[in-house]
Structures are given as structure tokens and as C-alpha cells.
Amino acid sequence: DILDGSAPIASGRGLHPGINLLDGVLTDLGAVYLEGE
């Protein structure tokens, strides 16, 4: 879960390599992704 204060930005996203956790979210934060195994 990624929150701005108590407001959710993204919730319940699976943490998988190469997947942007912010994909499809209307935000100007950029990209957050797991690299590696």
C-alpha cells in the first residue's frame, strides 16, 4: 500500500520484479518497481 498521509495512492499491489507499483495511478510521483529476484 502506498499512501499520501492517510489517502491511498495505490493499495494491495503485488510486489513483483519489473512491475511499476504506480502503473495506472494518476499521480506525478514517477515509477516504483522491484528490481532483482
Full PDB file with SEQRES, HELIX, SHEET, SSBOND, CRYST1, ORIGX, SCALE, CONECT and MASTER records, all heavy atoms in Angstrom:
SEQRES   1 A   37  ASP ILE LEU ASP GLY SER ALA PRO ILE ALA SER GLY ARG          
SEQRES   2 A   37  GLY LEU HIS PRO GLY ILE ASN LEU LEU ASP GLY VAL LEU          
SEQRES   3 A   37  THR ASP LEU GLY ALA VAL TYR LEU GLU GLY GLU                  
SHEET    1 AA1 2 ILE A   2  ASP A   4  0                                        
SHEET    2 AA1 2 ALA A   7  ALA A  10 -1                                        
CRYST1    1.000    1.000    1.000  90.00  90.00  90.00 P 1           1          
ORIGX1      1.000000  0.000000  0.000000        0.00000                         
ORIGX2      0.000000  1.000000  0.000000        0.00000                         
ORIGX3      0.000000  0.000000  1.000000        0.00000                         
SCALE1      1.000000  0.000000  0.000000        0.00000                         
SCALE2      0.000000  1.000000  0.000000        0.00000                         
SCALE3      0.000000  0.000000  1.000000        0.00000                         
ATOM      1  N   ASP A   1       0.874  -1.167   0.000  1.00  0.00           N  
ATOM      2  CA  ASP A   1       0.000   0.000   0.000  1.00  0.00           C  
ATOM      3  C   ASP A   1       0.912   1.218   0.000  1.00  0.00           C  
ATOM      4  O   ASP A   1       1.909   1.246   0.733  1.00  0.00           O  
ATOM      5  CB  ASP A   1      -0.876   0.057   1.249  1.00  0.00           C  
ATOM      6  CG  ASP A   1      -1.804  -1.135   1.378  1.00  0.00           C  
ATOM      7  OD1 ASP A   1      -2.229  -1.678   0.352  1.00  0.00           O  
ATOM      8  OD2 ASP A   1      -2.087  -1.523   2.527  1.00  0.00           O  
ATOM      9  N   ILE A   2       0.580   2.213  -0.812  1.00  0.00           N  
ATOM     10  CA  ILE A   2       1.314   3.471  -0.843  1.00  0.00           C  
ATOM     11  C   ILE A   2       0.318   4.568  -0.532  1.00  0.00           C  
ATOM     12  O   ILE A   2      -0.731   4.654  -1.169  1.00  0.00           O  
ATOM     13  CB  ILE A   2       1.977   3.701  -2.216  1.00  0.00           C  
ATOM     14  CG1 ILE A   2       2.873   2.507  -2.577  1.00  0.00           C  
ATOM     15  CG2 ILE A   2       2.774   5.001  -2.214  1.00  0.00           C  
ATOM     16  CD1 ILE A   2       3.429   2.553  -3.990  1.00  0.00           C  
ATOM     17  N   LEU A   3       0.632   5.389   0.493  1.00  0.00           N  
ATOM     18  CA  LEU A   3      -0.295   6.414   0.948  1.00  0.00           C  
ATOM     19  C   LEU A   3       0.352   7.786   0.967  1.00  0.00           C  
ATOM     20  O   LEU A   3       1.536   7.918   1.229  1.00  0.00           O  
ATOM     21  CB  LEU A   3      -0.778   6.085   2.359  1.00  0.00           C  
ATOM     22  CG  LEU A   3      -1.437   4.727   2.527  1.00  0.00           C  
ATOM     23  CD1 LEU A   3      -0.505   3.797   3.262  1.00  0.00           C  
ATOM     24  CD2 LEU A   3      -2.721   4.869   3.262  1.00  0.00           C  
ATOM     25  N   ASP A   4      -0.457   8.792   0.712  1.00  0.00           N  
ATOM     26  CA  ASP A   4      -0.077  10.196   0.873  1.00  0.00           C  
ATOM     27  C   ASP A   4      -0.836  10.665   2.108  1.00  0.00           C  
ATOM     28  O   ASP A   4      -2.040  10.920   2.035  1.00  0.00           O  
ATOM     29  CB  ASP A   4      -0.457  11.002  -0.365  1.00  0.00           C  
ATOM     30  CG  ASP A   4      -0.084  12.475  -0.254  1.00  0.00           C  
ATOM     31  OD1 ASP A   4       0.412  12.899   0.807  1.00  0.00           O  
ATOM     32  OD2 ASP A   4      -0.300  13.209  -1.226  1.00  0.00           O  
ATOM     33  N   GLY A   5      -0.151  10.724   3.251  1.00  0.00           N  
ATOM     34  CA  GLY A   5      -0.855  10.966   4.518  1.00  0.00           C  
ATOM     35  C   GLY A   5      -1.704   9.747   4.801  1.00  0.00           C  
ATOM     36  O   GLY A   5      -1.215   8.631   4.830  1.00  0.00           O  
ATOM     37  N   SER A   6      -3.007   9.936   4.943  1.00  0.00           N  
ATOM     38  CA  SER A   6      -3.909   8.798   5.131  1.00  0.00           C  
ATOM     39  C   SER A   6      -4.655   8.456   3.845  1.00  0.00           C  
ATOM     40  O   SER A   6      -5.445   7.518   3.811  1.00  0.00           O  
ATOM     41  CB  SER A   6      -4.905   9.095   6.248  1.00  0.00           C  
ATOM     42  OG  SER A   6      -5.689  10.222   5.901  1.00  0.00           O  
ATOM     43  N   ALA A   7      -4.391   9.229   2.774  1.00  0.00           N  
ATOM     44  CA  ALA A   7      -5.067   8.992   1.494  1.00  0.00           C  
ATOM     45  C   ALA A   7      -4.309   7.954   0.670  1.00  0.00           C  
ATOM     46  O   ALA A   7      -3.119   8.119   0.394  1.00  0.00           O  
ATOM     47  CB  ALA A   7      -5.171  10.289   0.707  1.00  0.00           C  
ATOM     48  N   PRO A   8      -4.981   6.868   0.271  1.00  0.00           N  
ATOM     49  CA  PRO A   8      -4.296   5.851  -0.519  1.00  0.00           C  
ATOM     50  C   PRO A   8      -3.962   6.340  -1.934  1.00  0.00           C  
ATOM     51  O   PRO A   8      -4.765   6.986  -2.581  1.00  0.00           O  
ATOM     52  CB  PRO A   8      -5.290   4.698  -0.576  1.00  0.00           C  
ATOM     53  CG  PRO A   8      -6.593   5.238  -0.146  1.00  0.00           C  
ATOM     54  CD  PRO A   8      -6.354   6.520   0.577  1.00  0.00           C  
ATOM     55  N   ILE A   9      -2.742   6.049  -2.351  1.00  0.00           N  
ATOM     56  CA  ILE A   9      -2.325   6.295  -3.732  1.00  0.00           C  
ATOM     57  C   ILE A   9      -2.492   4.999  -4.512  1.00  0.00           C  
ATOM     58  O   ILE A   9      -3.005   4.983  -5.627  1.00  0.00           O  
ATOM     59  CB  ILE A   9      -0.858   6.770  -3.784  1.00  0.00           C  
ATOM     60  CG1 ILE A   9      -0.706   8.108  -3.061  1.00  0.00           C  
ATOM     61  CG2 ILE A   9      -0.370   6.870  -5.226  1.00  0.00           C  
ATOM     62  CD1 ILE A   9       0.730   8.552  -2.869  1.00  0.00           C  
ATOM     63  N   ALA A  10      -2.038   3.899  -3.923  1.00  0.00           N  
ATOM     64  CA  ALA A  10      -2.185   2.559  -4.504  1.00  0.00           C  
ATOM     65  C   ALA A  10      -2.332   1.583  -3.345  1.00  0.00           C  
ATOM     66  O   ALA A  10      -1.614   1.690  -2.345  1.00  0.00           O  
ATOM     67  CB  ALA A  10      -0.978   2.205  -5.354  1.00  0.00           C  
ATOM     68  N   SER A  11      -3.243   0.632  -3.457  1.00  0.00           N  
ATOM     69  CA  SER A  11      -3.493  -0.311  -2.362  1.00  0.00           C  
ATOM     70  C   SER A  11      -3.511  -1.746  -2.875  1.00  0.00           C  
ATOM     71  O   SER A  11      -4.047  -2.022  -3.951  1.00  0.00           O  
ATOM     72  CB  SER A  11      -4.847  -0.026  -1.708  1.00  0.00           C  
ATOM     73  OG  SER A  11      -4.852   1.243  -1.116  1.00  0.00           O  
ATOM     74  N   GLY A  12      -2.920  -2.633  -2.089  1.00  0.00           N  
ATOM     75  CA  GLY A  12      -2.988  -4.057  -2.387  1.00  0.00           C  
ATOM     76  C   GLY A  12      -2.255  -4.476  -3.642  1.00  0.00           C  
ATOM     77  O   GLY A  12      -2.595  -5.489  -4.240  1.00  0.00           O  
ATOM     78  N   ARG A  13      -1.224  -3.730  -4.020  1.00  0.00           N  
ATOM     79  CA  ARG A  13      -0.457  -4.072  -5.224  1.00  0.00           C  
ATOM     80  C   ARG A  13       0.536  -5.183  -4.897  1.00  0.00           C  
ATOM     81  O   ARG A  13       1.245  -5.117  -3.906  1.00  0.00           O  
ATOM     82  CB  ARG A  13       0.310  -2.857  -5.752  1.00  0.00           C  
ATOM     83  CG  ARG A  13      -0.566  -1.683  -6.151  1.00  0.00           C  
ATOM     84  CD  ARG A  13      -1.075  -1.903  -7.569  1.00  0.00           C  
ATOM     85  NE  ARG A  13      -2.016  -0.893  -7.975  1.00  0.00           N  
ATOM     86  CZ  ARG A  13      -1.869  -0.111  -9.032  1.00  0.00           C  
ATOM     87  NH1 ARG A  13      -0.789  -0.188  -9.776  1.00  0.00           N  
ATOM     88  NH2 ARG A  13      -2.798   0.745  -9.356  1.00  0.00           N  
ATOM     89  N   GLY A  14       0.583  -6.195  -5.746  1.00  0.00           N  
ATOM     90  CA  GLY A  14       1.558  -7.269  -5.582  1.00  0.00           C  
ATOM     91  C   GLY A  14       2.958  -6.768  -5.896  1.00  0.00           C  
ATOM     92  O   GLY A  14       3.150  -6.045  -6.880  1.00  0.00           O  
ATOM     93  N   LEU A  15       3.922  -7.146  -5.066  1.00  0.00           N  
ATOM     94  CA  LEU A  15       5.305  -6.736  -5.260  1.00  0.00           C  
ATOM     95  C   LEU A  15       6.014  -7.801  -6.098  1.00  0.00           C  
ATOM     96  O   LEU A  15       6.408  -8.850  -5.596  1.00  0.00           O  
ATOM     97  CB  LEU A  15       6.004  -6.556  -3.909  1.00  0.00           C  
ATOM     98  CG  LEU A  15       7.431  -6.015  -3.932  1.00  0.00           C  
ATOM     99  CD1 LEU A  15       7.480  -4.635  -4.590  1.00  0.00           C  
ATOM    100  CD2 LEU A  15       7.994  -5.938  -2.522  1.00  0.00           C  
ATOM    101  N   HIS A  16       6.136  -7.529  -7.395  1.00  0.00           N  
ATOM    102  CA  HIS A  16       6.746  -8.451  -8.347  1.00  0.00           C  
ATOM    103  C   HIS A  16       7.847  -7.723  -9.110  1.00  0.00           C  
ATOM    104  O   HIS A  16       7.710  -6.530  -9.397  1.00  0.00           O  
ATOM    105  CB  HIS A  16       5.709  -8.966  -9.351  1.00  0.00           C  
ATOM    106  CG  HIS A  16       4.539  -9.628  -8.723  1.00  0.00           C  
ATOM    107  ND1 HIS A  16       4.615 -10.870  -8.139  1.00  0.00           N  
ATOM    108  CD2 HIS A  16       3.246  -9.216  -8.567  1.00  0.00           C  
ATOM    109  CE1 HIS A  16       3.419 -11.202  -7.665  1.00  0.00           C  
ATOM    110  NE2 HIS A  16       2.580 -10.217  -7.901  1.00  0.00           N  
ATOM    111  N   PRO A  17       8.932  -8.412  -9.459  1.00  0.00           N  
ATOM    112  CA  PRO A  17      10.010  -7.766 -10.208  1.00  0.00           C  
ATOM    113  C   PRO A  17       9.522  -7.155 -11.523  1.00  0.00           C  
ATOM    114  O   PRO A  17       8.734  -7.762 -12.256  1.00  0.00           O  
ATOM    115  CB  PRO A  17      10.994  -8.905 -10.481  1.00  0.00           C  
ATOM    116  CG  PRO A  17      10.719  -9.915  -9.422  1.00  0.00           C  
ATOM    117  CD  PRO A  17       9.245  -9.811  -9.149  1.00  0.00           C  
ATOM    118  N   GLY A  18       9.983  -5.929 -11.781  1.00  0.00           N  
ATOM    119  CA  GLY A  18       9.708  -5.264 -13.049  1.00  0.00           C  
ATOM    120  C   GLY A  18       8.341  -4.628 -13.193  1.00  0.00           C  
ATOM    121  O   GLY A  18       8.043  -4.037 -14.224  1.00  0.00           O  
ATOM    122  N   ILE A  19       7.499  -4.714 -12.183  1.00  0.00           N  
ATOM    123  CA  ILE A  19       6.143  -4.161 -12.262  1.00  0.00           C  
ATOM    124  C   ILE A  19       6.102  -2.824 -11.524  1.00  0.00           C  
ATOM    125  O   ILE A  19       6.435  -2.748 -10.344  1.00  0.00           O  
ATOM    126  CB  ILE A  19       5.098  -5.127 -11.652  1.00  0.00           C  
ATOM    127  CG1 ILE A  19       5.148  -6.490 -12.329  1.00  0.00           C  
ATOM    128  CG2 ILE A  19       3.699  -4.518 -11.701  1.00  0.00           C  
ATOM    129  CD1 ILE A  19       4.795  -6.472 -13.805  1.00  0.00           C  
ATOM    130  N   ASN A  20       5.667  -1.770 -12.222  1.00  0.00           N  
ATOM    131  CA  ASN A  20       5.547  -0.447 -11.621  1.00  0.00           C  
ATOM    132  C   ASN A  20       4.345  -0.436 -10.677  1.00  0.00           C  
ATOM    133  O   ASN A  20       3.206  -0.606 -11.108  1.00  0.00           O  
ATOM    134  CB  ASN A  20       5.391   0.616 -12.716  1.00  0.00           C  
ATOM    135  CG  ASN A  20       5.230   2.018 -12.170  1.00  0.00           C  
ATOM    136  OD1 ASN A  20       5.347   2.262 -10.976  1.00  0.00           O  
ATOM    137  ND2 ASN A  20       4.959   2.953 -13.057  1.00  0.00           N  
ATOM    138  N   LEU A  21       4.598  -0.224  -9.389  1.00  0.00           N  
ATOM    139  CA  LEU A  21       3.514  -0.192  -8.405  1.00  0.00           C  
ATOM    140  C   LEU A  21       2.569   0.982  -8.617  1.00  0.00           C  
ATOM    141  O   LEU A  21       1.454   0.979  -8.100  1.00  0.00           O  
ATOM    142  CB  LEU A  21       4.094  -0.139  -6.995  1.00  0.00           C  
ATOM    143  CG  LEU A  21       4.865  -1.384  -6.549  1.00  0.00           C  
ATOM    144  CD1 LEU A  21       5.556  -1.128  -5.213  1.00  0.00           C  
ATOM    145  CD2 LEU A  21       3.932  -2.580  -6.447  1.00  0.00           C  
ATOM    146  N   LEU A  22       3.012   1.990  -9.366  1.00  0.00           N  
ATOM    147  CA  LEU A  22       2.175   3.168  -9.617  1.00  0.00           C  
ATOM    148  C   LEU A  22       1.562   3.159 -11.018  1.00  0.00           C  
ATOM    149  O   LEU A  22       0.956   4.146 -11.435  1.00  0.00           O  
ATOM    150  CB  LEU A  22       2.994   4.442  -9.402  1.00  0.00           C  
ATOM    151  CG  LEU A  22       3.519   4.636  -7.982  1.00  0.00           C  
ATOM    152  CD1 LEU A  22       4.416   5.869  -7.910  1.00  0.00           C  
ATOM    153  CD2 LEU A  22       2.383   4.744  -6.990  1.00  0.00           C  
ATOM    154  N   ASP A  23       1.702   2.050 -11.734  1.00  0.00           N  
ATOM    155  CA  ASP A  23       1.149   1.962 -13.078  1.00  0.00           C  
ATOM    156  C   ASP A  23      -0.373   2.110 -13.029  1.00  0.00           C  
ATOM    157  O   ASP A  23      -1.045   1.468 -12.231  1.00  0.00           O  
ATOM    158  CB  ASP A  23       1.523   0.619 -13.706  1.00  0.00           C  
ATOM    159  CG  ASP A  23       1.242   0.577 -15.190  1.00  0.00           C  
ATOM    160  OD1 ASP A  23       1.328   1.628 -15.851  1.00  0.00           O  
ATOM    161  OD2 ASP A  23       0.945  -0.522 -15.707  1.00  0.00           O  
ATOM    162  N   GLY A  24      -0.893   2.976 -13.869  1.00  0.00           N  
ATOM    163  CA  GLY A  24      -2.330   3.203 -13.933  1.00  0.00           C  
ATOM    164  C   GLY A  24      -2.873   4.146 -12.885  1.00  0.00           C  
ATOM    165  O   GLY A  24      -4.075   4.381 -12.822  1.00  0.00           O  
ATOM    166  N   VAL A  25      -2.008   4.697 -12.042  1.00  0.00           N  
ATOM    167  CA  VAL A  25      -2.425   5.619 -10.987  1.00  0.00           C  
ATOM    168  C   VAL A  25      -2.165   7.043 -11.464  1.00  0.00           C  
ATOM    169  O   VAL A  25      -1.084   7.348 -11.968  1.00  0.00           O  
ATOM    170  CB  VAL A  25      -1.645   5.352  -9.674  1.00  0.00           C  
ATOM    171  CG1 VAL A  25      -2.023   6.354  -8.612  1.00  0.00           C  
ATOM    172  CG2 VAL A  25      -1.885   3.935  -9.198  1.00  0.00           C  
ATOM    173  N   LEU A  26      -3.147   7.904 -11.310  1.00  0.00           N  
ATOM    174  CA  LEU A  26      -2.983   9.293 -11.727  1.00  0.00           C  
ATOM    175  C   LEU A  26      -2.198  10.053 -10.666  1.00  0.00           C  
ATOM    176  O   LEU A  26      -2.753  10.519  -9.679  1.00  0.00           O  
ATOM    177  CB  LEU A  26      -4.349   9.956 -11.949  1.00  0.00           C  
ATOM    178  CG  LEU A  26      -5.188   9.358 -13.069  1.00  0.00           C  
ATOM    179  CD1 LEU A  26      -6.557  10.021 -13.119  1.00  0.00           C  
ATOM    180  CD2 LEU A  26      -4.478   9.495 -14.404  1.00  0.00           C  
ATOM    181  N   THR A  27      -0.899  10.113 -10.855  1.00  0.00           N  
ATOM    182  CA  THR A  27      -0.010  10.795  -9.924  1.00  0.00           C  
ATOM    183  C   THR A  27       1.220  11.267 -10.678  1.00  0.00           C  
ATOM    184  O   THR A  27       1.557  10.722 -11.717  1.00  0.00           O  
ATOM    185  CB  THR A  27       0.397   9.868  -8.753  1.00  0.00           C  
ATOM    186  OG1 THR A  27       1.246  10.579  -7.877  1.00  0.00           O  
ATOM    187  CG2 THR A  27       1.108   8.632  -9.235  1.00  0.00           C  
ATOM    188  N   ASP A  28       1.882  12.262 -10.142  1.00  0.00           N  
ATOM    189  CA  ASP A  28       3.108  12.757 -10.766  1.00  0.00           C  
ATOM    190  C   ASP A  28       4.344  12.267 -10.006  1.00  0.00           C  
ATOM    191  O   ASP A  28       5.408  12.849 -10.106  1.00  0.00           O  
ATOM    192  CB  ASP A  28       3.101  14.280 -10.846  1.00  0.00           C  
ATOM    193  CG  ASP A  28       3.031  14.949  -9.482  1.00  0.00           C  
ATOM    194  OD1 ASP A  28       2.863  14.236  -8.476  1.00  0.00           O  
ATOM    195  OD2 ASP A  28       3.140  16.182  -9.421  1.00  0.00           O  
ATOM    196  N   LEU A  29       4.198  11.158  -9.276  1.00  0.00           N  
ATOM    197  CA  LEU A  29       5.312  10.650  -8.477  1.00  0.00           C  
ATOM    198  C   LEU A  29       6.386   9.967  -9.313  1.00  0.00           C  
ATOM    199  O   LEU A  29       7.536   9.946  -8.930  1.00  0.00           O  
ATOM    200  CB  LEU A  29       4.807   9.672  -7.418  1.00  0.00           C  
ATOM    201  CG  LEU A  29       4.036  10.287  -6.262  1.00  0.00           C  
ATOM    202  CD1 LEU A  29       3.544   9.200  -5.324  1.00  0.00           C  
ATOM    203  CD2 LEU A  29       4.910  11.276  -5.512  1.00  0.00           C  
ATOM    204  N   GLY A  30       6.042   9.351 -10.423  1.00  0.00           N  
ATOM    205  CA  GLY A  30       7.018   8.619 -11.222  1.00  0.00           C  
ATOM    206  C   GLY A  30       6.729   7.135 -11.167  1.00  0.00           C  
ATOM    207  O   GLY A  30       5.579   6.717 -11.202  1.00  0.00           O  
ATOM    208  N   ALA A  31       7.792   6.321 -11.051  1.00  0.00           N  
ATOM    209  CA  ALA A  31       7.642   4.864 -11.056  1.00  0.00           C  
ATOM    210  C   ALA A  31       8.327   4.264  -9.834  1.00  0.00           C  
ATOM    211  O   ALA A  31       9.395   4.703  -9.429  1.00  0.00           O  
ATOM    212  CB  ALA A  31       8.246   4.277 -12.325  1.00  0.00           C  
ATOM    213  N   VAL A  32       7.697   3.235  -9.263  1.00  0.00           N  
ATOM    214  CA  VAL A  32       8.269   2.467  -8.157  1.00  0.00           C  
ATOM    215  C   VAL A  32       8.181   1.005  -8.562  1.00  0.00           C  
ATOM    216  O   VAL A  32       7.095   0.499  -8.842  1.00  0.00           O  
ATOM    217  CB  VAL A  32       7.501   2.702  -6.837  1.00  0.00           C  
ATOM    218  CG1 VAL A  32       8.050   1.816  -5.733  1.00  0.00           C  
ATOM    219  CG2 VAL A  32       7.555   4.163  -6.423  1.00  0.00           C  
ATOM    220  N   TYR A  33       9.336   0.342  -8.622  1.00  0.00           N  
ATOM    221  CA  TYR A  33       9.350  -1.047  -9.080  1.00  0.00           C  
ATOM    222  C   TYR A  33      10.445  -1.838  -8.372  1.00  0.00           C  
ATOM    223  O   TYR A  33      11.420  -1.286  -7.874  1.00  0.00           O  
ATOM    224  CB  TYR A  33       9.545  -1.114 -10.591  1.00  0.00           C  
ATOM    225  CG  TYR A  33      10.804  -0.421 -11.068  1.00  0.00           C  
ATOM    226  CD1 TYR A  33      12.002  -1.109 -11.192  1.00  0.00           C  
ATOM    227  CD2 TYR A  33      10.794   0.945 -11.369  1.00  0.00           C  
ATOM    228  CE1 TYR A  33      13.148  -0.462 -11.600  1.00  0.00           C  
ATOM    229  CE2 TYR A  33      11.939   1.595 -11.783  1.00  0.00           C  
ATOM    230  CZ  TYR A  33      13.112   0.879 -11.896  1.00  0.00           C  
ATOM    231  OH  TYR A  33      14.263   1.527 -12.291  1.00  0.00           O  
ATOM    232  N   LEU A  34      10.254  -3.153  -8.329  1.00  0.00           N  
ATOM    233  CA  LEU A  34      11.234  -4.049  -7.729  1.00  0.00           C  
ATOM    234  C   LEU A  34      12.179  -4.538  -8.812  1.00  0.00           C  
ATOM    235  O   LEU A  34      11.750  -4.922  -9.897  1.00  0.00           O  
ATOM    236  CB  LEU A  34      10.528  -5.240  -7.079  1.00  0.00           C  
ATOM    237  CG  LEU A  34      11.403  -6.131  -6.218  1.00  0.00           C  
ATOM    238  CD1 LEU A  34      11.773  -5.415  -4.923  1.00  0.00           C  
ATOM    239  CD2 LEU A  34      10.689  -7.433  -5.902  1.00  0.00           C  
ATOM    240  N   GLU A  35      13.455  -4.530  -8.492  1.00  0.00           N  
ATOM    241  CA  GLU A  35      14.488  -4.988  -9.420  1.00  0.00           C  
ATOM    242  C   GLU A  35      15.196  -6.171  -8.771  1.00  0.00           C  
ATOM    243  O   GLU A  35      15.575  -6.099  -7.601  1.00  0.00           O  
ATOM    244  CB  GLU A  35      15.472  -3.833  -9.633  1.00  0.00           C  
ATOM    245  CG  GLU A  35      16.506  -4.028 -10.684  1.00  0.00           C  
ATOM    246  CD  GLU A  35      17.328  -2.756 -10.822  1.00  0.00           C  
ATOM    247  OE1 GLU A  35      18.290  -2.591 -10.036  1.00  0.00           O  
ATOM    248  OE2 GLU A  35      16.994  -1.937 -11.689  1.00  0.00           O  
ATOM    249  N   GLY A  36      15.353  -7.268  -9.498  1.00  0.00           N  
ATOM    250  CA  GLY A  36      16.046  -8.438  -8.953  1.00  0.00           C  
ATOM    251  C   GLY A  36      15.126  -9.634  -8.843  1.00  0.00           C  
ATOM    252  O   GLY A  36      14.172  -9.776  -9.608  1.00  0.00           O  
ATOM    253  N   GLU A  37      15.393 -10.492  -7.858  1.00  0.00           N  
ATOM    254  CA  GLU A  37      14.632 -11.725  -7.672  1.00  0.00           C  
ATOM    255  C   GLU A  37      13.256 -11.473  -7.067  1.00  0.00           C  
ATOM    256  O   GLU A  37      13.035 -10.451  -6.415  1.00  0.00           O  
ATOM    257  CB  GLU A  37      15.397 -12.679  -6.747  1.00  0.00           C  
ATOM    258  CG  GLU A  37      16.701 -13.178  -7.313  1.00  0.00           C  
ATOM    259  CD  GLU A  37      17.405 -14.146  -6.376  1.00  0.00           C  
ATOM    260  OE1 GLU A  37      16.799 -14.592  -5.369  1.00  0.00           O  
ATOM    261  OE2 GLU A  37      18.576 -14.440  -6.651  1.00  0.00           O  
TER     262      GLU A  37                                                      
MASTER        0    0    0    0    2    0    0    6  261    1    0    3          
END                                                                             
